[in-house]
Amino acid sequence: MSKQVLQTNNAPAAIGTYSQGIRVGDTVYLSGQIGLNPETMQMADSVEAQINQVFLNLGAVANAAGVGLNTTVKLNVYLTDLAHFAKVNEIMSTYFDQPYPARAAVGVKELPRGAQVEMDAVLYLG
């Protein structure tokens, strides 16, 4: 099975030694996205704006694979303040249809670039 690297200008460029996404067969692995605007590479201001930008960024990489976010089977959410978990749920429901993907939410001390939220995902295309 071959490995296909996913790259799009509609999501922030990688700021480290990783790819935005990798497709292997019918599975797509999306790297963690934070609330960076891909045009300016500036962080969104509020936690709500960061959450929305993260979903937009993940969606852009999913689109580079030829699919949308609704093919997500697993979503990992990393928050510097778990008090924002309810906000993630509220905003997530506007980006996904039921049945929702499996998900984990983890509280972390800090994230790159001072982000308040980061998410990565696994998509299944089969």
C-alpha atoms as a PDB file:
ATOM      1  CA  MET A   1       0.000   0.000   0.000  1.00  0.00           C
ATOM      2  CA  SER A   2       1.390   3.407  -0.903  1.00  0.00           C
ATOM      3  CA  LYS A   3       1.498   6.494   1.264  1.00  0.00           C
ATOM      4  CA  GLN A   4       0.154   9.770  -0.142  1.00  0.00           C
ATOM      5  CA  VAL A   5       1.102  13.080   1.454  1.00  0.00           C
ATOM      6  CA  LEU A   6      -1.724  15.614   1.693  1.00  0.00           C
ATOM      7  CA  GLN A   7      -0.871  19.290   1.307  1.00  0.00           C
ATOM      8  CA  THR A   8      -3.110  22.334   0.895  1.00  0.00           C
ATOM      9  CA  ASN A   9      -2.625  26.080   1.098  1.00  0.00           C
ATOM     10  CA  ASN A  10      -6.094  26.275   2.688  1.00  0.00           C
ATOM     11  CA  ALA A  11      -4.663  25.058   6.005  1.00  0.00           C
ATOM     12  CA  PRO A  12      -1.622  26.408   7.848  1.00  0.00           C
ATOM     13  CA  ALA A  13       1.724  25.240   6.539  1.00  0.00           C
ATOM     14  CA  ALA A  14       3.452  22.730   8.776  1.00  0.00           C
ATOM     15  CA  ILE A  15       5.531  24.471  11.443  1.00  0.00           C
ATOM     16  CA  GLY A  16       7.609  21.400  12.160  1.00  0.00           C
ATOM     17  CA  THR A  17       8.711  18.073  10.785  1.00  0.00           C
ATOM     18  CA  TYR A  18       5.293  16.695   9.839  1.00  0.00           C
ATOM     19  CA  SER A  19       2.802  16.569   6.977  1.00  0.00           C
ATOM     20  CA  GLN A  20      -0.663  18.126   7.130  1.00  0.00           C
ATOM     21  CA  GLY A  21      -2.081  14.705   6.407  1.00  0.00           C
ATOM     22  CA  ILE A  22      -1.204  11.244   5.151  1.00  0.00           C
ATOM     23  CA  ARG A  23      -3.444   8.859   3.226  1.00  0.00           C
ATOM     24  CA  VAL A  24      -2.755   5.138   3.328  1.00  0.00           C
ATOM     25  CA  GLY A  25      -5.348   3.097   1.483  1.00  0.00           C
ATOM     26  CA  ASP A  26      -8.811   4.048   2.737  1.00  0.00           C
ATOM     27  CA  THR A  27      -7.498   5.770   5.872  1.00  0.00           C
ATOM     28  CA  VAL A  28      -6.465   9.412   6.221  1.00  0.00           C
ATOM     29  CA  TYR A  29      -4.523  10.690   9.213  1.00  0.00           C
ATOM     30  CA  LEU A  30      -4.822  14.443   9.810  1.00  0.00           C
ATOM     31  CA  SER A  31      -2.054  16.078  11.828  1.00  0.00           C
ATOM     32  CA  GLY A  32      -2.932  18.280  14.745  1.00  0.00           C
ATOM     33  CA  GLN A  33      -4.323  21.670  13.791  1.00  0.00           C
ATOM     34  CA  ILE A  34      -4.405  24.763  15.950  1.00  0.00           C
ATOM     35  CA  GLY A  35      -6.331  27.987  15.390  1.00  0.00           C
ATOM     36  CA  LEU A  36      -3.923  29.548  12.895  1.00  0.00           C
ATOM     37  CA  ASN A  37      -5.340  31.431   9.946  1.00  0.00           C
ATOM     38  CA  PRO A  38      -3.632  29.854   6.911  1.00  0.00           C
ATOM     39  CA  GLU A  39      -3.355  33.188   5.080  1.00  0.00           C
ATOM     40  CA  THR A  40      -1.787  35.211   7.902  1.00  0.00           C
ATOM     41  CA  MET A  41      -0.400  32.414  10.121  1.00  0.00           C
ATOM     42  CA  GLN A  42      -1.819  34.400  13.058  1.00  0.00           C
ATOM     43  CA  MET A  43      -3.706  32.768  15.915  1.00  0.00           C
ATOM     44  CA  ALA A  44      -7.438  33.426  16.176  1.00  0.00           C
ATOM     45  CA  ASP A  45      -8.237  35.647  19.159  1.00  0.00           C
ATOM     46  CA  SER A  46     -10.894  33.909  21.259  1.00  0.00           C
ATOM     47  CA  VAL A  47     -11.231  30.245  22.157  1.00  0.00           C
ATOM     48  CA  GLU A  48     -14.441  30.115  20.085  1.00  0.00           C
ATOM     49  CA  ALA A  49     -12.614  31.547  17.070  1.00  0.00           C
ATOM     50  CA  GLN A  50      -9.758  29.083  17.591  1.00  0.00           C
ATOM     51  CA  ILE A  51     -12.139  26.105  17.753  1.00  0.00           C
ATOM     52  CA  ASN A  52     -13.847  27.209  14.531  1.00  0.00           C
ATOM     53  CA  GLN A  53     -10.499  27.766  12.811  1.00  0.00           C
ATOM     54  CA  VAL A  54      -9.293  24.324  13.876  1.00  0.00           C
ATOM     55  CA  PHE A  55     -12.345  22.718  12.266  1.00  0.00           C
ATOM     56  CA  LEU A  56     -11.842  24.812   9.124  1.00  0.00           C
ATOM     57  CA  ASN A  57      -8.182  23.748   8.982  1.00  0.00           C
ATOM     58  CA  LEU A  58      -8.995  20.070   9.487  1.00  0.00           C
ATOM     59  CA  GLY A  59     -11.713  20.364   6.848  1.00  0.00           C
ATOM     60  CA  ALA A  60      -9.272  21.901   4.371  1.00  0.00           C
ATOM     61  CA  VAL A  61      -6.876  18.968   4.734  1.00  0.00           C
ATOM     62  CA  ALA A  62      -9.793  16.514   4.495  1.00  0.00           C
ATOM     63  CA  ASN A  63     -10.813  18.281   1.275  1.00  0.00           C
ATOM     64  CA  ALA A  64      -7.267  17.787  -0.034  1.00  0.00           C
ATOM     65  CA  ALA A  65      -7.970  14.057   0.353  1.00  0.00           C
ATOM     66  CA  GLY A  66     -11.180  14.510  -1.664  1.00  0.00           C
ATOM     67  CA  VAL A  67     -13.558  14.140   1.282  1.00  0.00           C
ATOM     68  CA  GLY A  68     -15.128  16.192   4.052  1.00  0.00           C
ATOM     69  CA  LEU A  69     -15.049  16.113   7.844  1.00  0.00           C
ATOM     70  CA  ASN A  70     -18.031  13.753   8.029  1.00  0.00           C
ATOM     71  CA  THR A  71     -15.722  10.869   7.079  1.00  0.00           C
ATOM     72  CA  THR A  72     -13.976  11.344  10.453  1.00  0.00           C
ATOM     73  CA  VAL A  73     -14.076   8.210  12.581  1.00  0.00           C
ATOM     74  CA  LYS A  74     -11.827   9.438  15.425  1.00  0.00           C
ATOM     75  CA  LEU A  75     -11.198  12.951  16.690  1.00  0.00           C
ATOM     76  CA  ASN A  76      -8.729  13.891  19.425  1.00  0.00           C
ATOM     77  CA  VAL A  77      -9.181  17.232  21.178  1.00  0.00           C
ATOM     78  CA  TYR A  78      -6.470  18.846  23.302  1.00  0.00           C
ATOM     79  CA  LEU A  79      -7.473  21.788  25.507  1.00  0.00           C
ATOM     80  CA  THR A  80      -5.402  23.970  27.806  1.00  0.00           C
ATOM     81  CA  ASP A  81      -8.582  24.551  29.850  1.00  0.00           C
ATOM     82  CA  LEU A  82     -11.177  21.764  30.033  1.00  0.00           C
ATOM     83  CA  ALA A  83     -13.773  24.399  30.949  1.00  0.00           C
ATOM     84  CA  HIS A  84     -13.948  25.005  27.170  1.00  0.00           C
ATOM     85  CA  PHE A  85     -15.116  21.427  26.515  1.00  0.00           C
ATOM     86  CA  ALA A  86     -18.794  22.464  26.328  1.00  0.00           C
ATOM     87  CA  LYS A  87     -17.869  25.096  23.717  1.00  0.00           C
ATOM     88  CA  VAL A  88     -16.098  22.410  21.652  1.00  0.00           C
ATOM     89  CA  ASN A  89     -19.286  20.293  21.756  1.00  0.00           C
ATOM     90  CA  GLU A  90     -21.452  23.222  20.718  1.00  0.00           C
ATOM     91  CA  ILE A  91     -19.244  24.243  17.803  1.00  0.00           C
ATOM     92  CA  MET A  92     -18.486  20.653  16.752  1.00  0.00           C
ATOM     93  CA  SER A  93     -22.190  20.001  16.174  1.00  0.00           C
ATOM     94  CA  THR A  94     -22.144  22.632  13.414  1.00  0.00           C
ATOM     95  CA  TYR A  95     -19.331  20.859  11.513  1.00  0.00           C
ATOM     96  CA  PHE A  96     -20.410  17.207  11.865  1.00  0.00           C
ATOM     97  CA  ASP A  97     -23.581  15.258  11.177  1.00  0.00           C
ATOM     98  CA  GLN A  98     -24.699  12.330  13.307  1.00  0.00           C
ATOM     99  CA  PRO A  99     -23.426   9.764  13.927  1.00  0.00           C
ATOM    100  CA  TYR A 100     -20.558  11.757  15.393  1.00  0.00           C
ATOM    101  CA  PRO A 101     -17.031  10.344  15.350  1.00  0.00           C
ATOM    102  CA  ALA A 102     -15.442   8.629  18.310  1.00  0.00           C
ATOM    103  CA  ARG A 103     -13.594  11.244  20.323  1.00  0.00           C
ATOM    104  CA  ALA A 104     -11.179  11.871  23.163  1.00  0.00           C
ATOM    105  CA  ALA A 105     -10.660  15.163  24.989  1.00  0.00           C
ATOM    106  CA  VAL A 106      -7.465  15.729  26.925  1.00  0.00           C
ATOM    107  CA  GLY A 107      -6.424  18.600  29.164  1.00  0.00           C
ATOM    108  CA  VAL A 108      -2.867  19.725  28.489  1.00  0.00           C
ATOM    109  CA  LYS A 109      -0.583  22.299  30.077  1.00  0.00           C
ATOM    110  CA  GLU A 110       0.201  24.172  26.861  1.00  0.00           C
ATOM    111  CA  LEU A 111       0.072  23.936  23.078  1.00  0.00           C
ATOM    112  CA  PRO A 112       2.226  25.306  20.243  1.00  0.00           C
ATOM    113  CA  ARG A 113       2.069  29.041  19.546  1.00  0.00           C
ATOM    114  CA  GLY A 114       0.006  29.644  22.693  1.00  0.00           C
ATOM    115  CA  ALA A 115      -3.049  27.892  21.221  1.00  0.00           C
ATOM    116  CA  GLN A 116      -5.928  27.028  23.532  1.00  0.00           C
ATOM    117  CA  VAL A 117      -7.080  24.052  21.440  1.00  0.00           C
ATOM    118  CA  GLU A 118      -5.576  21.524  19.052  1.00  0.00           C
ATOM    119  CA  MET A 119      -7.257  18.630  17.266  1.00  0.00           C
ATOM    120  CA  ASP A 120      -6.181  15.744  15.067  1.00  0.00           C
ATOM    121  CA  ALA A 121      -8.345  13.228  13.266  1.00  0.00           C
ATOM    122  CA  VAL A 122      -8.540   9.882  11.511  1.00  0.00           C
ATOM    123  CA  LEU A 123     -10.812   9.621   8.472  1.00  0.00           C
ATOM    124  CA  TYR A 124     -12.076   6.454   6.790  1.00  0.00           C
ATOM    125  CA  LEU A 125     -12.895   6.594   3.100  1.00  0.00           C
ATOM    126  CA  GLY A 126     -14.183   3.041   2.576  1.00  0.00           C
END
